[in-house]
Each structure stands twice: as C-alpha cells, then as structure tokens.
Amino acid sequence: MGLTSNFKTDLQKEQHLAILLDSLYKKHLNHYRFKRISDLKKQLKGIDLILTHRVTKKEFLVDEKAQLDYVNDDLPTFAFELSYQKKGALKKGWLFDASKKTDFYALITGIYSDEPNKFTSCKITFVNRGKLISFLKSRTITQKSLVGFLEGSLPRHGKIKVPELDSKTEGYLYRSSYNKAEKPINLILKLGFLIDNGLAKRFI
C-alpha cells in the first residue's frame, strides 16, 4: 500500500515537474526543438526527451533524472544507479545498462516548490553519457570493477569510498540497504567534478 502510494505520488511530482521543465526548454533551448516522450517502451530505453538541432537536424536522446526526494534543497552531488533489487532479484542500474539509448542525462537539481503541486525553479545539468562512461573506464571504474569491489566492502549500508575517486571532491559509492525498498547501490558524483572534466554542462 505504502509503495503504491509512493509510486503515485512520485508520478504526480514528475508530471508537475515536467510543466516547469518544458517552460524552461522553450525559453532557453534556442538551437533545438524538443519533444517529450510518453511511450513507455522508449522511456524504459532511457528516452524522456528528444532534442533536434534546428539546423543540422541531428537528434539527441535525453533521460531526465530529478532529485524529487530533495525538494527545496540543493545538493552538490547526483546519484548514478549501479544496481537495485526487484522481487528479490538483483537488477542492473541505468548507468552501465547497455540497453539504454541515452545520449545525455538531464540532471535536475535544486528543485523548489513554493506551493503544493507546483514547482517554481530548478537547475538542469546535461551530462554526456558516452563521455562519462569513457572517463570512468579510464579510471578503471566499470560495472564489473565496482561490483567486485563491493562484494568485499563494508559497511553494508551507507557511504563507501572508492580508491579511484577522491571522496571529498569527486565521488563515492552509497549502498541503501535499509531505507529504500529497492536497496539501490549508487555511484555518487559531484556535479562540479563532472563539469570541470568536460563531462557535463550547466544548462540553467
């Protein structure tokens, strides 16, 4: 019952946030047309939005990721999903999932709501997925290496430092074993770190 209610609440939040996002895209995406995707199969492939360059007609597939658990807060980090559990089975998260068609992540942070059911402002950071995965690989950070590292790592819940990353300025792992039903394991990366290394660009 509780999980179903949370799902419905999250869906409502996403729908209200989409209204704000679309208004921002219309205002600031000068060189692109955008099309919001409602087809579930495409969404499951990591496509929430298609951006089309007005001149070259080149398309970019965008997966929107929003910090809706932290409304009226502005975190300097973002969680990239490595794995989660569904009905007792371990599933691969979206970051290293080869079936995803995503070209860019649109990370939505600093989401503020001044009244119920209405979001008034947010920040959007575009992350080049291919560049991010290549960069992590250059640091010997892959799905396989992280899973292997986690098998022998403590604690079983909370923050876990990764040897290849500076935990204060770059990132770390976070295992949510007790507070979330899906028990996700996330790679937490600093937004400033992504921007400084040319992997991301602040849109708004």
Protein backbone atom coordinates (compact mmCIF):
# COMPACT_ATOMS: atom_id res chain seq x y z
CA MET A 1 0.00 0.00 0.00
CA GLY A 2 2.76 2.39 1.04
CA LEU A 3 4.90 1.60 -2.00
CA THR A 4 1.93 2.03 -4.35
CA SER A 5 1.11 5.38 -2.79
CA ASN A 6 4.73 6.47 -3.16
CA PHE A 7 4.69 5.45 -6.82
CA LYS A 8 1.55 7.51 -7.46
CA THR A 9 2.99 10.46 -5.56
CA ASP A 10 6.28 10.26 -7.48
CA LEU A 11 4.39 10.10 -10.78
CA GLN A 12 2.38 13.20 -9.85
CA LYS A 13 5.59 15.01 -8.89
CA GLU A 14 7.19 14.08 -12.23
CA GLN A 15 4.15 15.36 -14.12
CA HIS A 16 4.19 18.68 -12.25
CA LEU A 17 7.96 19.00 -12.74
CA ALA A 18 7.58 18.35 -16.49
CA ILE A 19 5.45 21.50 -16.76
CA LEU A 20 8.31 23.60 -15.34
CA LEU A 21 10.94 21.81 -17.42
CA ASP A 22 9.05 22.28 -20.67
CA SER A 23 8.71 26.01 -19.99
CA LEU A 24 12.48 26.23 -19.37
CA TYR A 25 13.31 24.26 -22.51
CA LYS A 26 11.06 26.53 -24.60
CA LYS A 27 12.75 29.60 -23.15
CA HIS A 28 16.40 28.52 -23.24
CA LEU A 29 16.83 25.81 -25.91
CA ASN A 30 17.44 28.31 -28.69
CA HIS A 31 19.10 25.95 -31.18
CA TYR A 32 16.95 22.89 -30.55
CA ARG A 33 13.41 21.68 -30.84
CA PHE A 34 12.30 19.30 -28.12
CA LYS A 35 9.74 16.52 -27.99
CA ARG A 36 8.64 14.92 -24.73
CA ILE A 37 8.25 11.13 -24.96
CA SER A 38 5.23 9.42 -23.39
CA ASP A 39 5.75 5.95 -24.90
CA LEU A 40 6.66 3.61 -22.03
CA LYS A 41 8.90 1.35 -24.16
CA LYS A 42 11.01 4.33 -25.20
CA GLN A 43 11.11 5.62 -21.62
CA LEU A 44 12.41 2.23 -20.47
CA LYS A 45 15.18 2.62 -23.05
CA GLY A 46 16.23 5.82 -21.28
CA ILE A 47 14.46 8.32 -23.55
CA ASP A 48 12.32 11.01 -21.92
CA LEU A 49 13.08 13.75 -24.40
CA ILE A 50 14.32 14.07 -27.98
CA LEU A 51 16.28 17.20 -28.86
CA THR A 52 16.61 18.04 -32.56
CA HIS A 53 19.09 20.66 -33.75
CA ARG A 54 17.25 23.25 -35.81
CA VAL A 55 19.98 23.46 -38.48
CA THR A 56 21.70 20.06 -38.66
CA LYS A 57 18.54 18.09 -37.69
CA LYS A 58 20.74 15.84 -35.54
CA GLU A 59 18.82 14.16 -32.73
CA PHE A 60 19.92 13.63 -29.15
CA LEU A 61 18.12 11.25 -26.78
CA VAL A 62 17.79 12.61 -23.25
CA ASP A 63 16.99 10.82 -20.00
CA GLU A 64 15.72 13.19 -17.29
CA LYS A 65 16.81 12.36 -13.75
CA ALA A 66 15.34 14.51 -10.98
CA GLN A 67 16.15 14.81 -7.27
CA LEU A 68 12.49 14.71 -6.27
CA ASP A 69 13.36 13.26 -2.85
CA TYR A 70 15.14 16.54 -2.06
CA VAL A 71 12.64 19.26 -2.97
CA ASN A 72 13.57 22.67 -1.54
CA ASP A 73 17.17 21.54 -1.18
CA ASP A 74 20.18 21.93 -3.47
CA LEU A 75 22.66 19.06 -3.35
CA PRO A 76 26.13 19.35 -4.95
CA THR A 77 26.06 15.67 -5.93
CA PHE A 78 23.99 13.30 -8.05
CA ALA A 79 23.32 9.55 -7.69
CA PHE A 80 24.03 7.35 -10.72
CA GLU A 81 22.32 3.98 -10.32
CA LEU A 82 24.50 0.88 -10.46
CA SER A 83 22.03 -1.76 -9.24
CA TYR A 84 18.77 -2.32 -7.39
CA GLN A 85 16.57 -5.19 -6.25
CA LYS A 86 13.17 -6.11 -7.67
CA LYS A 87 11.17 -9.00 -6.19
CA GLY A 88 14.35 -10.32 -4.59
CA ALA A 89 16.33 -10.33 -7.84
CA LEU A 90 19.35 -8.08 -8.43
CA LYS A 91 18.92 -5.78 -11.44
CA LYS A 92 21.48 -3.65 -13.27
CA GLY A 93 21.03 0.09 -12.77
CA TRP A 94 20.72 2.60 -15.60
CA LEU A 95 24.28 3.97 -15.67
CA PHE A 96 26.06 0.99 -17.24
CA ASP A 97 22.98 -0.63 -18.83
CA ALA A 98 23.91 -1.20 -22.50
CA SER A 99 20.23 -1.49 -23.49
CA LYS A 100 19.68 2.21 -22.72
CA LYS A 101 19.76 4.50 -25.76
CA THR A 102 20.50 7.65 -23.75
CA ASP A 103 22.88 10.23 -25.25
CA PHE A 104 22.56 12.76 -22.43
CA TYR A 105 21.29 12.79 -18.87
CA ALA A 106 19.42 15.92 -17.84
CA LEU A 107 20.13 16.08 -14.11
CA ILE A 108 17.50 18.19 -12.38
CA THR A 109 18.62 19.51 -9.01
CA GLY A 110 17.83 22.43 -6.73
CA ILE A 111 14.11 21.85 -7.24
CA TYR A 112 11.99 24.37 -5.33
CA SER A 113 8.27 24.42 -4.66
CA ASP A 114 6.62 27.48 -3.11
CA GLU A 115 3.15 25.95 -3.09
CA PRO A 116 1.65 22.43 -3.28
CA ASN A 117 1.76 20.70 -6.67
CA LYS A 118 3.74 23.48 -8.30
CA PHE A 119 7.48 23.66 -8.87
CA THR A 120 8.85 27.15 -9.32
CA SER A 121 12.56 26.73 -10.11
CA CYS A 122 15.30 24.18 -10.63
CA LYS A 123 18.78 23.65 -12.03
CA ILE A 124 19.46 21.50 -15.08
CA THR A 125 22.86 19.95 -15.85
CA PHE A 126 23.35 18.00 -19.08
CA VAL A 127 25.77 15.06 -18.82
CA ASN A 128 27.22 13.38 -21.93
CA ARG A 129 26.66 9.70 -21.10
CA GLY A 130 29.27 8.34 -23.54
CA LYS A 131 31.94 10.73 -22.28
CA LEU A 132 31.09 9.91 -18.66
CA ILE A 133 31.36 6.15 -19.15
CA SER A 134 34.63 6.53 -21.11
CA PHE A 135 36.05 8.79 -18.40
CA LEU A 136 35.11 6.32 -15.66
CA LYS A 137 36.66 3.49 -17.69
CA SER A 138 39.89 5.49 -17.96
CA ARG A 139 39.89 5.47 -14.15
CA THR A 140 39.27 1.68 -14.27
CA ILE A 141 35.75 2.26 -12.94
CA THR A 142 33.28 -0.13 -14.63
CA GLN A 143 30.18 -2.06 -13.59
CA LYS A 144 32.33 -5.17 -13.16
CA SER A 145 35.06 -3.47 -11.14
CA LEU A 146 32.58 -1.77 -8.82
CA VAL A 147 30.55 -4.94 -8.24
CA GLY A 148 33.76 -6.82 -7.46
CA PHE A 149 34.88 -4.06 -5.11
CA LEU A 150 31.50 -4.01 -3.32
CA GLU A 151 31.49 -7.76 -2.66
CA GLY A 152 34.18 -7.36 -0.06
CA SER A 153 33.32 -3.87 1.13
CA LEU A 154 31.88 -2.58 4.35
CA PRO A 155 29.64 -1.03 5.53
CA ARG A 156 26.59 -2.86 4.27
CA HIS A 157 24.71 0.43 4.33
CA GLY A 158 25.91 3.95 3.68
CA LYS A 159 28.92 5.63 2.13
CA ILE A 160 31.78 3.54 0.71
CA LYS A 161 34.98 5.16 -0.51
CA VAL A 162 36.32 4.03 -3.90
CA PRO A 163 40.13 4.01 -4.35
CA GLU A 164 39.88 5.54 -7.86
CA LEU A 165 37.92 8.60 -6.67
CA ASP A 166 38.60 11.36 -4.19
CA SER A 167 35.57 11.04 -1.90
CA LYS A 168 35.63 14.74 -0.97
CA THR A 169 35.94 16.31 -4.42
CA GLU A 170 34.91 13.60 -6.92
CA GLY A 171 32.64 10.85 -5.66
CA TYR A 172 31.96 7.62 -3.77
CA LEU A 173 29.56 4.69 -3.60
CA TYR A 174 26.42 4.64 -1.48
CA ARG A 175 24.55 1.48 -0.53
CA SER A 176 20.93 1.95 0.65
CA SER A 177 20.26 -1.39 2.33
CA TYR A 178 17.71 -0.33 4.95
CA ASN A 179 15.87 2.84 4.00
CA LYS A 180 14.70 2.00 0.45
CA ALA A 181 12.67 -0.99 -0.75
CA GLU A 182 14.76 -1.45 -3.91
CA LYS A 183 18.04 -1.33 -1.94
CA PRO A 184 19.86 0.63 -4.66
CA ILE A 185 23.61 0.96 -4.93
CA ASN A 186 24.57 4.30 -6.44
CA LEU A 187 27.73 5.97 -7.66
CA ILE A 188 27.55 9.45 -6.14
CA LEU A 189 29.40 12.05 -8.22
CA LYS A 190 29.99 15.75 -7.58
CA LEU A 191 28.34 17.96 -10.20
CA GLY A 192 31.32 20.35 -10.14
CA PHE A 193 33.66 17.42 -10.82
CA LEU A 194 31.62 16.42 -13.88
CA ILE A 195 31.58 20.00 -15.23
CA ASP A 196 35.30 20.60 -14.57
CA ASN A 197 36.22 17.47 -16.54
CA GLY A 198 34.11 18.38 -19.58
CA LEU A 199 31.58 15.61 -18.96
CA ALA A 200 28.70 17.92 -18.13
CA LYS A 201 27.47 21.42 -18.77
CA ARG A 202 25.17 23.51 -16.64
CA PHE A 203 22.12 24.42 -18.75
CA ILE A 204 20.24 26.54 -16.21
